[in-house]
Amino acid sequence: MCLSIPSQIISIDENNYAIVDTLGVRRGVSLDLVSDSVEVGDYVLIHVGFAMQKINTQQAKESLKIYKQIVDEIGEEEVFTHFSKE
């Protein structure tokens, strides 16, 4: 099973490469596969180093709220263990 957690764009450079924040973790991703126009502050879904899709802010915030509830309820270590088995 593959989960894609909404990530917020922090910056975009001249090579269409973005720094995004995913639940407090920053990483670099390519924006080359996103068909929509994106800006700093937008949310995207990421897979293996590429942003795949822009999602609206309300949908992203609702998803992040649910992820945080899951982590709070079962613990961060169990979440990692559970999803790494699938």
PDB file of N, CA and C in Angstrom:
ATOM      1  N   MET A   1       0.840  -1.170   0.000  1.00  0.00           N
ATOM      2  CA  MET A   1       0.000   0.000   0.000  1.00  0.00           C
ATOM      3  C   MET A   1       0.890   1.238   0.000  1.00  0.00           C
ATOM      4  N   CYS A   2       0.514   2.192  -0.766  1.00  0.00           N
ATOM      5  CA  CYS A   2       1.281   3.416  -0.866  1.00  0.00           C
ATOM      6  C   CYS A   2       0.410   4.594  -0.443  1.00  0.00           C
ATOM      7  N   LEU A   3       0.890   5.354   0.526  1.00  0.00           N
ATOM      8  CA  LEU A   3       0.172   6.541   0.972  1.00  0.00           C
ATOM      9  C   LEU A   3       0.899   7.766   0.461  1.00  0.00           C
ATOM     10  N   SER A   4       0.153   8.708   0.018  1.00  0.00           N
ATOM     11  CA  SER A   4       0.751   9.962  -0.395  1.00  0.00           C
ATOM     12  C   SER A   4       0.206  11.049   0.523  1.00  0.00           C
ATOM     13  N   ILE A   5       1.090  11.625   1.279  1.00  0.00           N
ATOM     14  CA  ILE A   5       0.710  12.646   2.243  1.00  0.00           C
ATOM     15  C   ILE A   5       0.854  14.012   1.585  1.00  0.00           C
ATOM     16  N   PRO A   6      -0.160  14.861   1.701  1.00  0.00           N
ATOM     17  CA  PRO A   6      -0.039  16.190   1.099  1.00  0.00           C
ATOM     18  C   PRO A   6       1.189  16.923   1.623  1.00  0.00           C
ATOM     19  N   SER A   7       1.873  17.574   0.700  1.00  0.00           N
ATOM     20  CA  SER A   7       3.078  18.325   1.030  1.00  0.00           C
ATOM     21  C   SER A   7       2.924  19.747   0.517  1.00  0.00           C
ATOM     22  N   GLN A   8       3.324  20.701   1.353  1.00  0.00           N
ATOM     23  CA  GLN A   8       3.179  22.105   0.969  1.00  0.00           C
ATOM     24  C   GLN A   8       4.473  22.616   0.333  1.00  0.00           C
ATOM     25  N   ILE A   9       4.340  23.312  -0.777  1.00  0.00           N
ATOM     26  CA  ILE A   9       5.497  23.861  -1.473  1.00  0.00           C
ATOM     27  C   ILE A   9       6.039  25.057  -0.696  1.00  0.00           C
ATOM     28  N   ILE A  10       7.331  24.986  -0.372  1.00  0.00           N
ATOM     29  CA  ILE A  10       8.006  26.052   0.366  1.00  0.00           C
ATOM     30  C   ILE A  10       8.738  26.995  -0.587  1.00  0.00           C
ATOM     31  N   SER A  11       9.366  26.423  -1.612  1.00  0.00           N
ATOM     32  CA  SER A  11      10.071  27.250  -2.600  1.00  0.00           C
ATOM     33  C   SER A  11      10.142  26.489  -3.916  1.00  0.00           C
ATOM     34  N   ILE A  12      10.347  27.239  -4.996  1.00  0.00           N
ATOM     35  CA  ILE A  12      10.495  26.663  -6.337  1.00  0.00           C
ATOM     36  C   ILE A  12      11.677  27.361  -6.997  1.00  0.00           C
ATOM     37  N   ASP A  13      12.609  26.560  -7.559  1.00  0.00           N
ATOM     38  CA  ASP A  13      13.747  27.202  -8.224  1.00  0.00           C
ATOM     39  C   ASP A  13      13.535  27.276  -9.740  1.00  0.00           C
ATOM     40  N   GLU A  14      14.514  27.807 -10.440  1.00  0.00           N
ATOM     41  CA  GLU A  14      14.409  28.023 -11.877  1.00  0.00           C
ATOM     42  C   GLU A  14      14.391  26.728 -12.687  1.00  0.00           C
ATOM     43  N   ASN A  15      14.729  25.601 -12.069  1.00  0.00           N
ATOM     44  CA  ASN A  15      14.708  24.298 -12.749  1.00  0.00           C
ATOM     45  C   ASN A  15      13.430  23.513 -12.474  1.00  0.00           C
ATOM     46  N   ASN A  16      12.410  24.185 -11.949  1.00  0.00           N
ATOM     47  CA  ASN A  16      11.122  23.559 -11.629  1.00  0.00           C
ATOM     48  C   ASN A  16      11.273  22.500 -10.529  1.00  0.00           C
ATOM     49  N   TYR A  17      12.221  22.756  -9.637  1.00  0.00           N
ATOM     50  CA  TYR A  17      12.486  21.880  -8.502  1.00  0.00           C
ATOM     51  C   TYR A  17      11.997  22.607  -7.252  1.00  0.00           C
ATOM     52  N   ALA A  18      11.235  21.898  -6.413  1.00  0.00           N
ATOM     53  CA  ALA A  18      10.632  22.535  -5.242  1.00  0.00           C
ATOM     54  C   ALA A  18      11.139  21.921  -3.943  1.00  0.00           C
ATOM     55  N   ILE A  19      11.156  22.735  -2.919  1.00  0.00           N
ATOM     56  CA  ILE A  19      11.321  22.252  -1.556  1.00  0.00           C
ATOM     57  C   ILE A  19       9.922  22.214  -0.968  1.00  0.00           C
ATOM     58  N   VAL A  20       9.546  21.054  -0.421  1.00  0.00           N
ATOM     59  CA  VAL A  20       8.212  20.896   0.153  1.00  0.00           C
ATOM     60  C   VAL A  20       8.329  20.481   1.613  1.00  0.00           C
ATOM     61  N   ASP A  21       7.262  20.738   2.343  1.00  0.00           N
ATOM     62  CA  ASP A  21       7.177  20.345   3.750  1.00  0.00           C
ATOM     63  C   ASP A  21       6.104  19.275   3.874  1.00  0.00           C
ATOM     64  N   THR A  22       6.519  18.101   4.377  1.00  0.00           N
ATOM     65  CA  THR A  22       5.594  16.990   4.589  1.00  0.00           C
ATOM     66  C   THR A  22       5.582  16.672   6.079  1.00  0.00           C
ATOM     67  N   LEU A  23       4.572  17.131   6.768  1.00  0.00           N
ATOM     68  CA  LEU A  23       4.438  16.902   8.214  1.00  0.00           C
ATOM     69  C   LEU A  23       5.719  17.292   8.957  1.00  0.00           C
ATOM     70  N   GLY A  24       6.306  18.419   8.574  1.00  0.00           N
ATOM     71  CA  GLY A  24       7.487  18.930   9.257  1.00  0.00           C
ATOM     72  C   GLY A  24       8.812  18.474   8.682  1.00  0.00           C
ATOM     73  N   VAL A  25       8.798  17.596   7.696  1.00  0.00           N
ATOM     74  CA  VAL A  25      10.018  17.125   7.048  1.00  0.00           C
ATOM     75  C   VAL A  25      10.133  17.803   5.684  1.00  0.00           C
ATOM     76  N   ARG A  26      11.266  18.442   5.451  1.00  0.00           N
ATOM     77  CA  ARG A  26      11.471  19.120   4.174  1.00  0.00           C
ATOM     78  C   ARG A  26      12.282  18.243   3.235  1.00  0.00           C
ATOM     79  N   ARG A  27      11.880  18.266   1.955  1.00  0.00           N
ATOM     80  CA  ARG A  27      12.580  17.472   0.948  1.00  0.00           C
ATOM     81  C   ARG A  27      12.440  18.158  -0.406  1.00  0.00           C
ATOM     82  N   GLY A  28      13.312  17.775  -1.324  1.00  0.00           N
ATOM     83  CA  GLY A  28      13.254  18.328  -2.662  1.00  0.00           C
ATOM     84  C   GLY A  28      12.509  17.405  -3.600  1.00  0.00           C
ATOM     85  N   VAL A  29      11.696  17.990  -4.491  1.00  0.00           N
ATOM     86  CA  VAL A  29      10.945  17.204  -5.465  1.00  0.00           C
ATOM     87  C   VAL A  29      10.901  17.941  -6.797  1.00  0.00           C
ATOM     88  N   SER A  30      10.778  17.172  -7.847  1.00  0.00           N
ATOM     89  CA  SER A  30      10.595  17.756  -9.173  1.00  0.00           C
ATOM     90  C   SER A  30       9.121  18.059  -9.389  1.00  0.00           C
ATOM     91  N   LEU A  31       8.851  19.174 -10.045  1.00  0.00           N
ATOM     92  CA  LEU A  31       7.471  19.541 -10.388  1.00  0.00           C
ATOM     93  C   LEU A  31       7.157  19.226 -11.848  1.00  0.00           C
ATOM     94  N   ASP A  32       8.065  18.560 -12.549  1.00  0.00           N
ATOM     95  CA  ASP A  32       7.918  18.335 -13.991  1.00  0.00           C
ATOM     96  C   ASP A  32       6.693  17.512 -14.383  1.00  0.00           C
ATOM     97  N   LEU A  33       6.160  16.690 -13.484  1.00  0.00           N
ATOM     98  CA  LEU A  33       5.017  15.840 -13.846  1.00  0.00           C
ATOM     99  C   LEU A  33       3.663  16.431 -13.454  1.00  0.00           C
ATOM    100  N   VAL A  34       3.669  17.583 -12.838  1.00  0.00           N
ATOM    101  CA  VAL A  34       2.404  18.215 -12.433  1.00  0.00           C
ATOM    102  C   VAL A  34       1.876  19.028 -13.616  1.00  0.00           C
ATOM    103  N   SER A  35       0.670  18.715 -14.043  1.00  0.00           N
ATOM    104  CA  SER A  35       0.105  19.409 -15.211  1.00  0.00           C
ATOM    105  C   SER A  35      -0.474  20.775 -14.852  1.00  0.00           C
ATOM    106  N   ASP A  36      -0.882  20.956 -13.608  1.00  0.00           N
ATOM    107  CA  ASP A  36      -1.438  22.245 -13.174  1.00  0.00           C
ATOM    108  C   ASP A  36      -0.315  23.219 -12.825  1.00  0.00           C
ATOM    109  N   SER A  37      -0.632  24.485 -12.891  1.00  0.00           N
ATOM    110  CA  SER A  37       0.297  25.513 -12.427  1.00  0.00           C
ATOM    111  C   SER A  37       0.349  25.465 -10.903  1.00  0.00           C
ATOM    112  N   VAL A  38       1.554  25.519 -10.336  1.00  0.00           N
ATOM    113  CA  VAL A  38       1.684  25.490  -8.879  1.00  0.00           C
ATOM    114  C   VAL A  38       2.521  26.676  -8.415  1.00  0.00           C
ATOM    115  N   GLU A  39       2.268  27.095  -7.180  1.00  0.00           N
ATOM    116  CA  GLU A  39       2.971  28.227  -6.587  1.00  0.00           C
ATOM    117  C   GLU A  39       3.387  27.867  -5.165  1.00  0.00           C
ATOM    118  N   VAL A  40       4.259  28.672  -4.607  1.00  0.00           N
ATOM    119  CA  VAL A  40       4.629  28.509  -3.202  1.00  0.00           C
ATOM    120  C   VAL A  40       3.351  28.598  -2.365  1.00  0.00           C
ATOM    121  N   GLY A  41       3.202  27.652  -1.439  1.00  0.00           N
ATOM    122  CA  GLY A  41       2.020  27.597  -0.588  1.00  0.00           C
ATOM    123  C   GLY A  41       1.004  26.565  -1.033  1.00  0.00           C
ATOM    124  N   ASP A  42       1.073  26.124  -2.303  1.00  0.00           N
ATOM    125  CA  ASP A  42       0.162  25.085  -2.790  1.00  0.00           C
ATOM    126  C   ASP A  42       0.535  23.736  -2.182  1.00  0.00           C
ATOM    127  N   TYR A  43      -0.413  22.811  -2.231  1.00  0.00           N
ATOM    128  CA  TYR A  43      -0.182  21.442  -1.759  1.00  0.00           C
ATOM    129  C   TYR A  43      -0.119  20.495  -2.951  1.00  0.00           C
ATOM    130  N   VAL A  44       0.793  19.533  -2.868  1.00  0.00           N
ATOM    131  CA  VAL A  44       0.945  18.524  -3.917  1.00  0.00           C
ATOM    132  C   VAL A  44       1.065  17.143  -3.273  1.00  0.00           C
ATOM    133  N   LEU A  45       0.768  16.129  -4.086  1.00  0.00           N
ATOM    134  CA  LEU A  45       0.998  14.740  -3.672  1.00  0.00           C
ATOM    135  C   LEU A  45       2.277  14.281  -4.350  1.00  0.00           C
ATOM    136  N   ILE A  46       3.113  13.552  -3.616  1.00  0.00           N
ATOM    137  CA  ILE A  46       4.452  13.187  -4.081  1.00  0.00           C
ATOM    138  C   ILE A  46       4.606  11.672  -4.171  1.00  0.00           C
ATOM    139  N   HIS A  47       5.362  11.246  -5.174  1.00  0.00           N
ATOM    140  CA  HIS A  47       5.739   9.834  -5.287  1.00  0.00           C
ATOM    141  C   HIS A  47       7.161   9.779  -5.818  1.00  0.00           C
ATOM    142  N   VAL A  48       8.023   9.111  -5.108  1.00  0.00           N
ATOM    143  CA  VAL A  48       9.443   8.892  -5.436  1.00  0.00           C
ATOM    144  C   VAL A  48      10.145  10.118  -6.027  1.00  0.00           C
ATOM    145  N   GLY A  49      10.036  11.207  -5.347  1.00  0.00           N
ATOM    146  CA  GLY A  49      10.772  12.396  -5.736  1.00  0.00           C
ATOM    147  C   GLY A  49      10.104  13.297  -6.756  1.00  0.00           C
ATOM    148  N   PHE A  50       8.894  12.949  -7.146  1.00  0.00           N
ATOM    149  CA  PHE A  50       8.158  13.767  -8.103  1.00  0.00           C
ATOM    150  C   PHE A  50       6.809  14.162  -7.524  1.00  0.00           C
ATOM    151  N   ALA A  51       6.467  15.423  -7.637  1.00  0.00           N
ATOM    152  CA  ALA A  51       5.104  15.850  -7.331  1.00  0.00           C
ATOM    153  C   ALA A  51       4.234  15.329  -8.466  1.00  0.00           C
ATOM    154  N   MET A  52       3.149  14.646  -8.117  1.00  0.00           N
ATOM    155  CA  MET A  52       2.306  14.012  -9.133  1.00  0.00           C
ATOM    156  C   MET A  52       1.028  14.793  -9.403  1.00  0.00           C
ATOM    157  N   GLN A  53       0.547  15.505  -8.387  1.00  0.00           N
ATOM    158  CA  GLN A  53      -0.759  16.141  -8.527  1.00  0.00           C
ATOM    159  C   GLN A  53      -0.881  17.288  -7.541  1.00  0.00           C
ATOM    160  N   LYS A  54      -1.469  18.367  -7.981  1.00  0.00           N
ATOM    161  CA  LYS A  54      -1.804  19.475  -7.084  1.00  0.00           C
ATOM    162  C   LYS A  54      -3.150  19.150  -6.448  1.00  0.00           C
ATOM    163  N   ILE A  55      -3.290  19.423  -5.154  1.00  0.00           N
ATOM    164  CA  ILE A  55      -4.586  19.232  -4.498  1.00  0.00           C
ATOM    165  C   ILE A  55      -4.977  20.544  -3.832  1.00  0.00           C
ATOM    166  N   ASN A  56      -6.291  20.736  -3.660  1.00  0.00           N
ATOM    167  CA  ASN A  56      -6.720  22.007  -3.085  1.00  0.00           C
ATOM    168  C   ASN A  56      -6.392  22.057  -1.593  1.00  0.00           C
ATOM    169  N   THR A  57      -6.264  23.262  -1.101  1.00  0.00           N
ATOM    170  CA  THR A  57      -5.812  23.488   0.272  1.00  0.00           C
ATOM    171  C   THR A  57      -6.749  22.844   1.296  1.00  0.00           C
ATOM    172  N   GLN A  58      -8.045  22.963   1.091  1.00  0.00           N
ATOM    173  CA  GLN A  58      -8.989  22.395   2.053  1.00  0.00           C
ATOM    174  C   GLN A  58      -8.849  20.876   2.125  1.00  0.00           C
ATOM    175  N   GLN A  59      -8.752  20.238   0.987  1.00  0.00           N
ATOM    176  CA  GLN A  59      -8.580  18.784   0.935  1.00  0.00           C
ATOM    177  C   GLN A  59      -7.261  18.383   1.604  1.00  0.00           C
ATOM    178  N   ALA A  60      -6.205  19.140   1.343  1.00  0.00           N
ATOM    179  CA  ALA A  60      -4.900  18.837   1.941  1.00  0.00           C
ATOM    180  C   ALA A  60      -4.958  18.949   3.465  1.00  0.00           C
ATOM    181  N   LYS A  61      -5.559  20.025   3.955  1.00  0.00           N
ATOM    182  CA  LYS A  61      -5.626  20.219   5.404  1.00  0.00           C
ATOM    183  C   LYS A  61      -6.477  19.155   6.083  1.00  0.00           C
ATOM    184  N   GLU A  62      -7.565  18.736   5.437  1.00  0.00           N
ATOM    185  CA  GLU A  62      -8.390  17.656   5.995  1.00  0.00           C
ATOM    186  C   GLU A  62      -7.595  16.352   6.053  1.00  0.00           C
ATOM    187  N   SER A  63      -6.847  16.057   4.993  1.00  0.00           N
ATOM    188  CA  SER A  63      -6.032  14.835   4.973  1.00  0.00           C
ATOM    189  C   SER A  63      -4.947  14.886   6.049  1.00  0.00           C
ATOM    190  N   LEU A  64      -4.276  16.025   6.187  1.00  0.00           N
ATOM    191  CA  LEU A  64      -3.226  16.159   7.202  1.00  0.00           C
ATOM    192  C   LEU A  64      -3.796  16.006   8.610  1.00  0.00           C
ATOM    193  N   LYS A  65      -4.995  16.515   8.831  1.00  0.00           N
ATOM    194  CA  LYS A  65      -5.642  16.381  10.137  1.00  0.00           C
ATOM    195  C   LYS A  65      -5.887  14.899  10.452  1.00  0.00           C
ATOM    196  N   ILE A  66      -6.329  14.149   9.457  1.00  0.00           N
ATOM    197  CA  ILE A  66      -6.581  12.712   9.654  1.00  0.00           C
ATOM    198  C   ILE A  66      -5.261  11.967   9.913  1.00  0.00           C
ATOM    199  N   TYR A  67      -4.214  12.293   9.157  1.00  0.00           N
ATOM    200  CA  TYR A  67      -2.913  11.648   9.389  1.00  0.00           C
ATOM    201  C   TYR A  67      -2.420  11.915  10.802  1.00  0.00           C
ATOM    202  N   LYS A  68      -2.567  13.139  11.261  1.00  0.00           N
ATOM    203  CA  LYS A  68      -2.119  13.482  12.607  1.00  0.00           C
ATOM    204  C   LYS A  68      -2.923  12.733  13.664  1.00  0.00           C
ATOM    205  N   GLN A  69      -4.225  12.570  13.432  1.00  0.00           N
ATOM    206  CA  GLN A  69      -5.055  11.804  14.369  1.00  0.00           C
ATOM    207  C   GLN A  69      -4.596  10.349  14.433  1.00  0.00           C
ATOM    208  N   ILE A  70      -4.279   9.768  13.274  1.00  0.00           N
ATOM    209  CA  ILE A  70      -3.810   8.377  13.244  1.00  0.00           C
ATOM    210  C   ILE A  70      -2.518   8.248  14.039  1.00  0.00           C
ATOM    211  N   VAL A  71      -1.588   9.151  13.799  1.00  0.00           N
ATOM    212  CA  VAL A  71      -0.299   9.112  14.504  1.00  0.00           C
ATOM    213  C   VAL A  71      -0.507   9.294  16.000  1.00  0.00           C
ATOM    214  N   ASP A  72      -1.374  10.213  16.385  1.00  0.00           N
ATOM    215  CA  ASP A  72      -1.627  10.448  17.806  1.00  0.00           C
ATOM    216  C   ASP A  72      -2.260   9.231  18.475  1.00  0.00           C
ATOM    217  N   GLU A  73      -3.144   8.542  17.756  1.00  0.00           N
ATOM    218  CA  GLU A  73      -3.871   7.416  18.339  1.00  0.00           C
ATOM    219  C   GLU A  73      -3.031   6.145  18.432  1.00  0.00           C
ATOM    220  N   ILE A  74      -2.261   5.841  17.420  1.00  0.00           N
ATOM    221  CA  ILE A  74      -1.531   4.572  17.463  1.00  0.00           C
ATOM    222  C   ILE A  74      -0.024   4.744  17.615  1.00  0.00           C
ATOM    223  N   GLY A  75       0.463   5.944  17.550  1.00  0.00           N
ATOM    224  CA  GLY A  75       1.882   6.185  17.756  1.00  0.00           C
ATOM    225  C   GLY A  75       2.662   6.156  16.468  1.00  0.00           C
ATOM    226  N   GLU A  76       3.641   7.036  16.376  1.00  0.00           N
ATOM    227  CA  GLU A  76       4.428   7.193  15.161  1.00  0.00           C
ATOM    228  C   GLU A  76       5.172   5.917  14.783  1.00  0.00           C
ATOM    229  N   GLU A  77       5.737   5.224  15.770  1.00  0.00           N
ATOM    230  CA  GLU A  77       6.505   4.018  15.479  1.00  0.00           C
ATOM    231  C   GLU A  77       5.611   2.916  14.918  1.00  0.00           C
ATOM    232  N   GLU A  78       4.407   2.766  15.474  1.00  0.00           N
ATOM    233  CA  GLU A  78       3.489   1.738  14.977  1.00  0.00           C
ATOM    234  C   GLU A  78       3.015   2.063  13.570  1.00  0.00           C
ATOM    235  N   VAL A  79       2.800   3.330  13.257  1.00  0.00           N
ATOM    236  CA  VAL A  79       2.385   3.711  11.917  1.00  0.00           C
ATOM    237  C   VAL A  79       3.451   3.271  10.922  1.00  0.00           C
ATOM    238  N   PHE A  80       4.725   3.555  11.212  1.00  0.00           N
ATOM    239  CA  PHE A  80       5.803   3.183  10.321  1.00  0.00           C
ATOM    240  C   PHE A  80       5.877   1.664  10.178  1.00  0.00           C
ATOM    241  N   THR A  81       5.789   0.948  11.295  1.00  0.00           N
ATOM    242  CA  THR A  81       5.863  -0.509  11.265  1.00  0.00           C
ATOM    243  C   THR A  81       4.707  -1.096  10.472  1.00  0.00           C
ATOM    244  N   HIS A  82       3.490  -0.587  10.688  1.00  0.00           N
ATOM    245  CA  HIS A  82       2.310  -1.108  10.006  1.00  0.00           C
ATOM    246  C   HIS A  82       2.424  -0.923   8.495  1.00  0.00           C
ATOM    247  N   PHE A  83       2.752   0.283   8.055  1.00  0.00           N
ATOM    248  CA  PHE A  83       2.758   0.555   6.624  1.00  0.00           C
ATOM    249  C   PHE A  83       3.997   0.017   5.923  1.00  0.00           C
ATOM    250  N   SER A  84       5.071  -0.245   6.640  1.00  0.00           N
ATOM    251  CA  SER A  84       6.248  -0.798   5.981  1.00  0.00           C
ATOM    252  C   SER A  84       6.076  -2.287   5.690  1.00  0.00           C
ATOM    253  N   LYS A  85       5.081  -2.955   6.310  1.00  0.00           N
ATOM    254  CA  LYS A  85       4.810  -4.376   6.057  1.00  0.00           C
ATOM    255  C   LYS A  85       4.003  -4.568   4.792  1.00  0.00           C
ATOM    256  N   GLU A  86       3.295  -3.562   4.361  1.00  0.00           N
ATOM    257  CA  GLU A  86       2.401  -3.728   3.210  1.00  0.00           C
ATOM    258  C   GLU A  86       3.067  -3.370   1.918  1.00  0.00           C
TER     259      GLU A  86
END
